[in-house]
């Protein structure tokens, strides 16, 4: 795995890579080992897919192609699982946040609102989703304020500021 490339050991009894593990291989009845790295799209090694054989032998081209394909599919599955786990953690963090958080699409339509936002604004989540954030607009900030805010957000930059918004009942909150 640490090499990050395919390793084909046709005879463990004579290959220098297996020198430190030769006795372990002999006790396990291993004569040959072919190993294909499991790589992320950016080249990080996740592990290896290894084939062990009882007798020394050389792999055929089709066998190498199969192990390469299997390693690629295994790496994709591992990365997908990691991505899903990361996404779930992020979702749970947003849901547990004490601050109100909304997620909009590129057009500014609310796609998600966390429970804190519903609690702060008095709008149930189902009433917020599909709306635009200006539903909460209080009129306390001018158009330049919102232009700067949306310019930063659309550009993918962090925006920080203080908003004065309006709850469902008409009262203001900061």
C-alpha atoms as a PDB file:
ATOM      1  CA  UNK A   1       0.000   0.000   0.000  1.00  0.00           C
ATOM      2  CA  UNK A   2       2.796   2.437   0.846  1.00  0.00           C
ATOM      3  CA  UNK A   3       4.161   2.234  -2.714  1.00  0.00           C
ATOM      4  CA  UNK A   4       0.876   3.391  -4.247  1.00  0.00           C
ATOM      5  CA  UNK A   5       1.391   1.230  -7.309  1.00  0.00           C
ATOM      6  CA  UNK A   6       0.761  -2.319  -8.496  1.00  0.00           C
ATOM      7  CA  UNK A   7       3.069  -4.887  -6.960  1.00  0.00           C
ATOM      8  CA  UNK A   8       3.382  -8.345  -8.476  1.00  0.00           C
ATOM      9  CA  UNK A   9       5.352 -10.858  -6.463  1.00  0.00           C
ATOM     10  CA  UNK A  10       5.562 -14.061  -8.465  1.00  0.00           C
ATOM     11  CA  UNK A  11       7.556 -15.968  -5.849  1.00  0.00           C
ATOM     12  CA  UNK A  12       7.421 -14.859  -2.227  1.00  0.00           C
ATOM     13  CA  UNK A  13      10.310 -17.191  -1.356  1.00  0.00           C
ATOM     14  CA  UNK A  14      12.750 -15.183  -3.509  1.00  0.00           C
ATOM     15  CA  UNK A  15      11.299 -11.670  -3.833  1.00  0.00           C
ATOM     16  CA  UNK A  16      13.166  -8.986  -1.829  1.00  0.00           C
ATOM     17  CA  UNK A  17       9.897  -7.148  -0.976  1.00  0.00           C
ATOM     18  CA  UNK A  18       8.795 -10.155   1.040  1.00  0.00           C
ATOM     19  CA  UNK A  19      12.088 -10.668   2.875  1.00  0.00           C
ATOM     20  CA  UNK A  20      10.781  -9.294   6.208  1.00  0.00           C
ATOM     21  CA  UNK A  21       7.570 -11.352   5.855  1.00  0.00           C
ATOM     22  CA  UNK A  22       8.880 -14.468   4.165  1.00  0.00           C
ATOM     23  CA  UNK A  23       8.381 -16.723   7.194  1.00  0.00           C
ATOM     24  CA  UNK A  24       4.854 -15.387   7.733  1.00  0.00           C
ATOM     25  CA  UNK A  25       4.058 -16.097   4.068  1.00  0.00           C
ATOM     26  CA  UNK A  26       5.502 -19.606   4.312  1.00  0.00           C
ATOM     27  CA  UNK A  27       3.426 -20.390   7.440  1.00  0.00           C
ATOM     28  CA  UNK A  28       0.302 -19.040   5.715  1.00  0.00           C
ATOM     29  CA  UNK A  29       1.008 -21.156   2.638  1.00  0.00           C
ATOM     30  CA  UNK A  30       1.411 -18.156   0.312  1.00  0.00           C
ATOM     31  CA  UNK A  31       3.577 -18.574  -2.793  1.00  0.00           C
ATOM     32  CA  UNK A  32       2.637 -15.482  -4.819  1.00  0.00           C
ATOM     33  CA  UNK A  33       0.942 -12.157  -4.188  1.00  0.00           C
ATOM     34  CA  UNK A  34      -0.393  -9.514  -6.554  1.00  0.00           C
ATOM     35  CA  UNK A  35      -1.503  -6.230  -5.091  1.00  0.00           C
ATOM     36  CA  UNK A  36      -3.326  -3.290  -6.700  1.00  0.00           C
ATOM     37  CA  UNK A  37      -3.669   0.036  -4.825  1.00  0.00           C
ATOM     38  CA  UNK A  38      -7.076   1.480  -4.016  1.00  0.00           C
ATOM     39  CA  UNK A  39      -6.633   5.113  -5.065  1.00  0.00           C
ATOM     40  CA  UNK A  40      -8.793   8.185  -4.573  1.00  0.00           C
ATOM     41  CA  UNK A  41      -9.350  10.384  -7.638  1.00  0.00           C
ATOM     42  CA  UNK A  42      -6.548  12.652  -6.377  1.00  0.00           C
ATOM     43  CA  UNK A  43      -4.133   9.712  -5.985  1.00  0.00           C
ATOM     44  CA  UNK A  44      -4.268   9.088  -2.236  1.00  0.00           C
ATOM     45  CA  UNK A  45      -3.906   5.434  -1.266  1.00  0.00           C
ATOM     46  CA  UNK A  46      -6.874   4.004   0.628  1.00  0.00           C
ATOM     47  CA  UNK A  47      -5.466   0.473   0.816  1.00  0.00           C
ATOM     48  CA  UNK A  48      -4.849  -2.386  -1.557  1.00  0.00           C
ATOM     49  CA  UNK A  49      -6.678  -5.250  -3.151  1.00  0.00           C
ATOM     50  CA  UNK A  50      -4.390  -8.253  -2.935  1.00  0.00           C
ATOM     51  CA  UNK A  51      -4.592 -11.707  -4.450  1.00  0.00           C
ATOM     52  CA  UNK A  52      -2.662 -14.492  -2.730  1.00  0.00           C
ATOM     53  CA  UNK A  53      -1.785 -17.846  -4.286  1.00  0.00           C
ATOM     54  CA  UNK A  54      -0.491 -21.028  -2.710  1.00  0.00           C
ATOM     55  CA  UNK A  55       2.142 -21.603  -5.398  1.00  0.00           C
ATOM     56  CA  UNK A  56       4.544 -19.225  -7.115  1.00  0.00           C
ATOM     57  CA  UNK A  57       3.038 -18.003 -10.372  1.00  0.00           C
ATOM     58  CA  UNK A  58       2.983 -15.150 -12.864  1.00  0.00           C
ATOM     59  CA  UNK A  59      -0.316 -13.342 -13.489  1.00  0.00           C
ATOM     60  CA  UNK A  60      -1.888 -13.357 -16.905  1.00  0.00           C
ATOM     61  CA  UNK A  61      -2.824 -10.019 -18.493  1.00  0.00           C
ATOM     62  CA  UNK A  62      -6.549 -10.668 -18.017  1.00  0.00           C
ATOM     63  CA  UNK A  63      -6.006 -11.347 -14.307  1.00  0.00           C
ATOM     64  CA  UNK A  64      -4.159  -8.057 -13.890  1.00  0.00           C
ATOM     65  CA  UNK A  65      -6.944  -6.243 -15.716  1.00  0.00           C
ATOM     66  CA  UNK A  66      -9.564  -7.833 -13.446  1.00  0.00           C
ATOM     67  CA  UNK A  67      -7.748  -6.928 -10.242  1.00  0.00           C
ATOM     68  CA  UNK A  68      -7.210  -3.363 -11.535  1.00  0.00           C
ATOM     69  CA  UNK A  69     -10.915  -3.016 -12.325  1.00  0.00           C
ATOM     70  CA  UNK A  70     -11.942  -4.517  -8.990  1.00  0.00           C
ATOM     71  CA  UNK A  71      -9.566  -2.172  -7.121  1.00  0.00           C
ATOM     72  CA  UNK A  72     -10.963   0.826  -8.986  1.00  0.00           C
ATOM     73  CA  UNK A  73     -14.555  -0.153  -8.135  1.00  0.00           C
ATOM     74  CA  UNK A  74     -13.642  -0.805  -4.495  1.00  0.00           C
ATOM     75  CA  UNK A  75     -11.964   2.623  -4.235  1.00  0.00           C
ATOM     76  CA  UNK A  76     -15.052   4.300  -5.718  1.00  0.00           C
ATOM     77  CA  UNK A  77     -17.281   2.522  -3.201  1.00  0.00           C
ATOM     78  CA  UNK A  78     -15.053   3.540  -0.273  1.00  0.00           C
ATOM     79  CA  UNK A  79     -14.919   7.164  -1.421  1.00  0.00           C
ATOM     80  CA  UNK A  80     -18.681   7.253  -1.936  1.00  0.00           C
ATOM     81  CA  UNK A  81     -19.221   5.932   1.571  1.00  0.00           C
ATOM     82  CA  UNK A  82     -16.812   8.523   3.007  1.00  0.00           C
ATOM     83  CA  UNK A  83     -18.567  11.292   1.096  1.00  0.00           C
ATOM     84  CA  UNK A  84     -21.953  10.134   2.385  1.00  0.00           C
ATOM     85  CA  UNK A  85     -20.615   9.977   5.944  1.00  0.00           C
ATOM     86  CA  UNK A  86     -19.176  13.505   5.639  1.00  0.00           C
ATOM     87  CA  UNK A  87     -22.441  14.760   4.160  1.00  0.00           C
ATOM     88  CA  UNK A  88     -24.413  13.190   7.014  1.00  0.00           C
ATOM     89  CA  UNK A  89     -22.128  14.808   9.610  1.00  0.00           C
ATOM     90  CA  UNK A  90     -22.562  18.194   7.946  1.00  0.00           C
ATOM     91  CA  UNK A  91     -26.336  17.752   7.842  1.00  0.00           C
ATOM     92  CA  UNK A  92     -26.424  16.845  11.540  1.00  0.00           C
ATOM     93  CA  UNK A  93     -24.267  19.874  12.407  1.00  0.00           C
ATOM     94  CA  UNK A  94     -26.581  22.207  10.464  1.00  0.00           C
ATOM     95  CA  UNK A  95     -29.643  20.668  12.095  1.00  0.00           C
ATOM     96  CA  UNK A  96     -28.146  20.997  15.596  1.00  0.00           C
ATOM     97  CA  UNK A  97     -26.845  24.566  15.160  1.00  0.00           C
ATOM     98  CA  UNK A  98     -28.319  27.193  17.458  1.00  0.00           C
ATOM     99  CA  UNK A  99     -28.132  29.782  14.657  1.00  0.00           C
ATOM    100  CA  UNK A 100     -30.681  29.849  11.884  1.00  0.00           C
ATOM    101  CA  UNK A 101     -29.292  28.452   8.643  1.00  0.00           C
ATOM    102  CA  UNK A 102     -30.847  28.442   5.198  1.00  0.00           C
ATOM    103  CA  UNK A 103     -29.550  26.781   2.049  1.00  0.00           C
ATOM    104  CA  UNK A 104     -30.627  28.259  -1.257  1.00  0.00           C
ATOM    105  CA  UNK A 105     -30.158  27.217  -4.848  1.00  0.00           C
ATOM    106  CA  UNK A 106     -28.362  29.436  -7.379  1.00  0.00           C
ATOM    107  CA  UNK A 107     -31.571  31.430  -7.932  1.00  0.00           C
ATOM    108  CA  UNK A 108     -31.892  32.215  -4.233  1.00  0.00           C
ATOM    109  CA  UNK A 109     -34.795  29.845  -3.571  1.00  0.00           C
ATOM    110  CA  UNK A 110     -34.679  28.242  -0.120  1.00  0.00           C
ATOM    111  CA  UNK A 111     -33.971  24.528  -0.389  1.00  0.00           C
ATOM    112  CA  UNK A 112     -33.468  23.822   3.312  1.00  0.00           C
ATOM    113  CA  UNK A 113     -33.979  25.624   6.626  1.00  0.00           C
ATOM    114  CA  UNK A 114     -32.736  24.211   9.905  1.00  0.00           C
ATOM    115  CA  UNK A 115     -34.948  23.908  13.011  1.00  0.00           C
ATOM    116  CA  UNK A 116     -33.290  26.917  14.663  1.00  0.00           C
ATOM    117  CA  UNK A 117     -34.393  29.170  11.800  1.00  0.00           C
ATOM    118  CA  UNK A 118     -37.957  27.957  12.169  1.00  0.00           C
ATOM    119  CA  UNK A 119     -37.796  28.581  15.891  1.00  0.00           C
ATOM    120  CA  UNK A 120     -36.341  32.074  15.448  1.00  0.00           C
ATOM    121  CA  UNK A 121     -38.657  33.194  12.639  1.00  0.00           C
ATOM    122  CA  UNK A 122     -41.863  31.424  13.584  1.00  0.00           C
ATOM    123  CA  UNK A 123     -42.113  29.990  10.061  1.00  0.00           C
ATOM    124  CA  UNK A 124     -42.358  26.197   9.884  1.00  0.00           C
ATOM    125  CA  UNK A 125     -39.732  24.707   7.580  1.00  0.00           C
ATOM    126  CA  UNK A 126     -42.396  23.681   5.062  1.00  0.00           C
ATOM    127  CA  UNK A 127     -43.405  27.329   4.690  1.00  0.00           C
ATOM    128  CA  UNK A 128     -39.802  28.476   4.152  1.00  0.00           C
ATOM    129  CA  UNK A 129     -38.743  25.895   1.559  1.00  0.00           C
ATOM    130  CA  UNK A 130     -39.533  27.138  -1.926  1.00  0.00           C
ATOM    131  CA  UNK A 131     -39.579  30.786  -0.820  1.00  0.00           C
ATOM    132  CA  UNK A 132     -36.865  33.382  -1.201  1.00  0.00           C
ATOM    133  CA  UNK A 133     -35.056  34.724   1.886  1.00  0.00           C
ATOM    134  CA  UNK A 134     -36.589  38.154   1.261  1.00  0.00           C
ATOM    135  CA  UNK A 135     -39.686  36.661   2.919  1.00  0.00           C
ATOM    136  CA  UNK A 136     -37.856  37.623   6.111  1.00  0.00           C
ATOM    137  CA  UNK A 137     -36.815  41.084   4.901  1.00  0.00           C
ATOM    138  CA  UNK A 138     -37.542  43.816   7.414  1.00  0.00           C
ATOM    139  CA  UNK A 139     -36.780  46.890   5.307  1.00  0.00           C
ATOM    140  CA  UNK A 140     -34.162  47.977   7.867  1.00  0.00           C
ATOM    141  CA  UNK A 141     -31.279  47.483   5.374  1.00  0.00           C
ATOM    142  CA  UNK A 142     -31.004  49.199   2.021  1.00  0.00           C
ATOM    143  CA  UNK A 143     -30.502  47.585  -1.396  1.00  0.00           C
ATOM    144  CA  UNK A 144     -26.721  48.198  -1.256  1.00  0.00           C
ATOM    145  CA  UNK A 145     -26.508  46.032   1.855  1.00  0.00           C
ATOM    146  CA  UNK A 146     -28.203  43.103   0.130  1.00  0.00           C
ATOM    147  CA  UNK A 147     -26.217  43.632  -3.079  1.00  0.00           C
ATOM    148  CA  UNK A 148     -22.918  43.293  -1.144  1.00  0.00           C
ATOM    149  CA  UNK A 149     -24.206  40.289   0.757  1.00  0.00           C
ATOM    150  CA  UNK A 150     -25.394  38.415  -2.360  1.00  0.00           C
ATOM    151  CA  UNK A 151     -22.265  39.382  -4.305  1.00  0.00           C
ATOM    152  CA  UNK A 152     -20.138  37.627  -1.685  1.00  0.00           C
ATOM    153  CA  UNK A 153     -22.420  34.599  -1.475  1.00  0.00           C
ATOM    154  CA  UNK A 154     -22.688  34.124  -5.258  1.00  0.00           C
ATOM    155  CA  UNK A 155     -18.888  34.434  -5.554  1.00  0.00           C
ATOM    156  CA  UNK A 156     -18.489  31.654  -2.987  1.00  0.00           C
ATOM    157  CA  UNK A 157     -16.939  33.929  -0.372  1.00  0.00           C
ATOM    158  CA  UNK A 158     -17.882  34.035   3.276  1.00  0.00           C
ATOM    159  CA  UNK A 159     -20.267  36.803   4.223  1.00  0.00           C
ATOM    160  CA  UNK A 160     -20.474  38.177   7.699  1.00  0.00           C
ATOM    161  CA  UNK A 161     -22.813  40.896   8.886  1.00  0.00           C
ATOM    162  CA  UNK A 162     -25.804  41.721  10.995  1.00  0.00           C
ATOM    163  CA  UNK A 163     -29.272  41.314   9.588  1.00  0.00           C
ATOM    164  CA  UNK A 164     -32.460  42.748  10.959  1.00  0.00           C
ATOM    165  CA  UNK A 165     -35.231  40.432   9.777  1.00  0.00           C
ATOM    166  CA  UNK A 166     -38.941  40.050  10.349  1.00  0.00           C
ATOM    167  CA  UNK A 167     -40.613  37.070  12.027  1.00  0.00           C
ATOM    168  CA  UNK A 168     -43.869  35.590  10.847  1.00  0.00           C
ATOM    169  CA  UNK A 169     -45.700  37.555  13.528  1.00  0.00           C
ATOM    170  CA  UNK A 170     -44.157  40.818  12.223  1.00  0.00           C
ATOM    171  CA  UNK A 171     -41.721  41.392  15.097  1.00  0.00           C
ATOM    172  CA  UNK A 172     -38.086  42.106  14.263  1.00  0.00           C
ATOM    173  CA  UNK A 173     -35.037  40.080  15.230  1.00  0.00           C
ATOM    174  CA  UNK A 174     -31.304  40.606  14.789  1.00  0.00           C
END
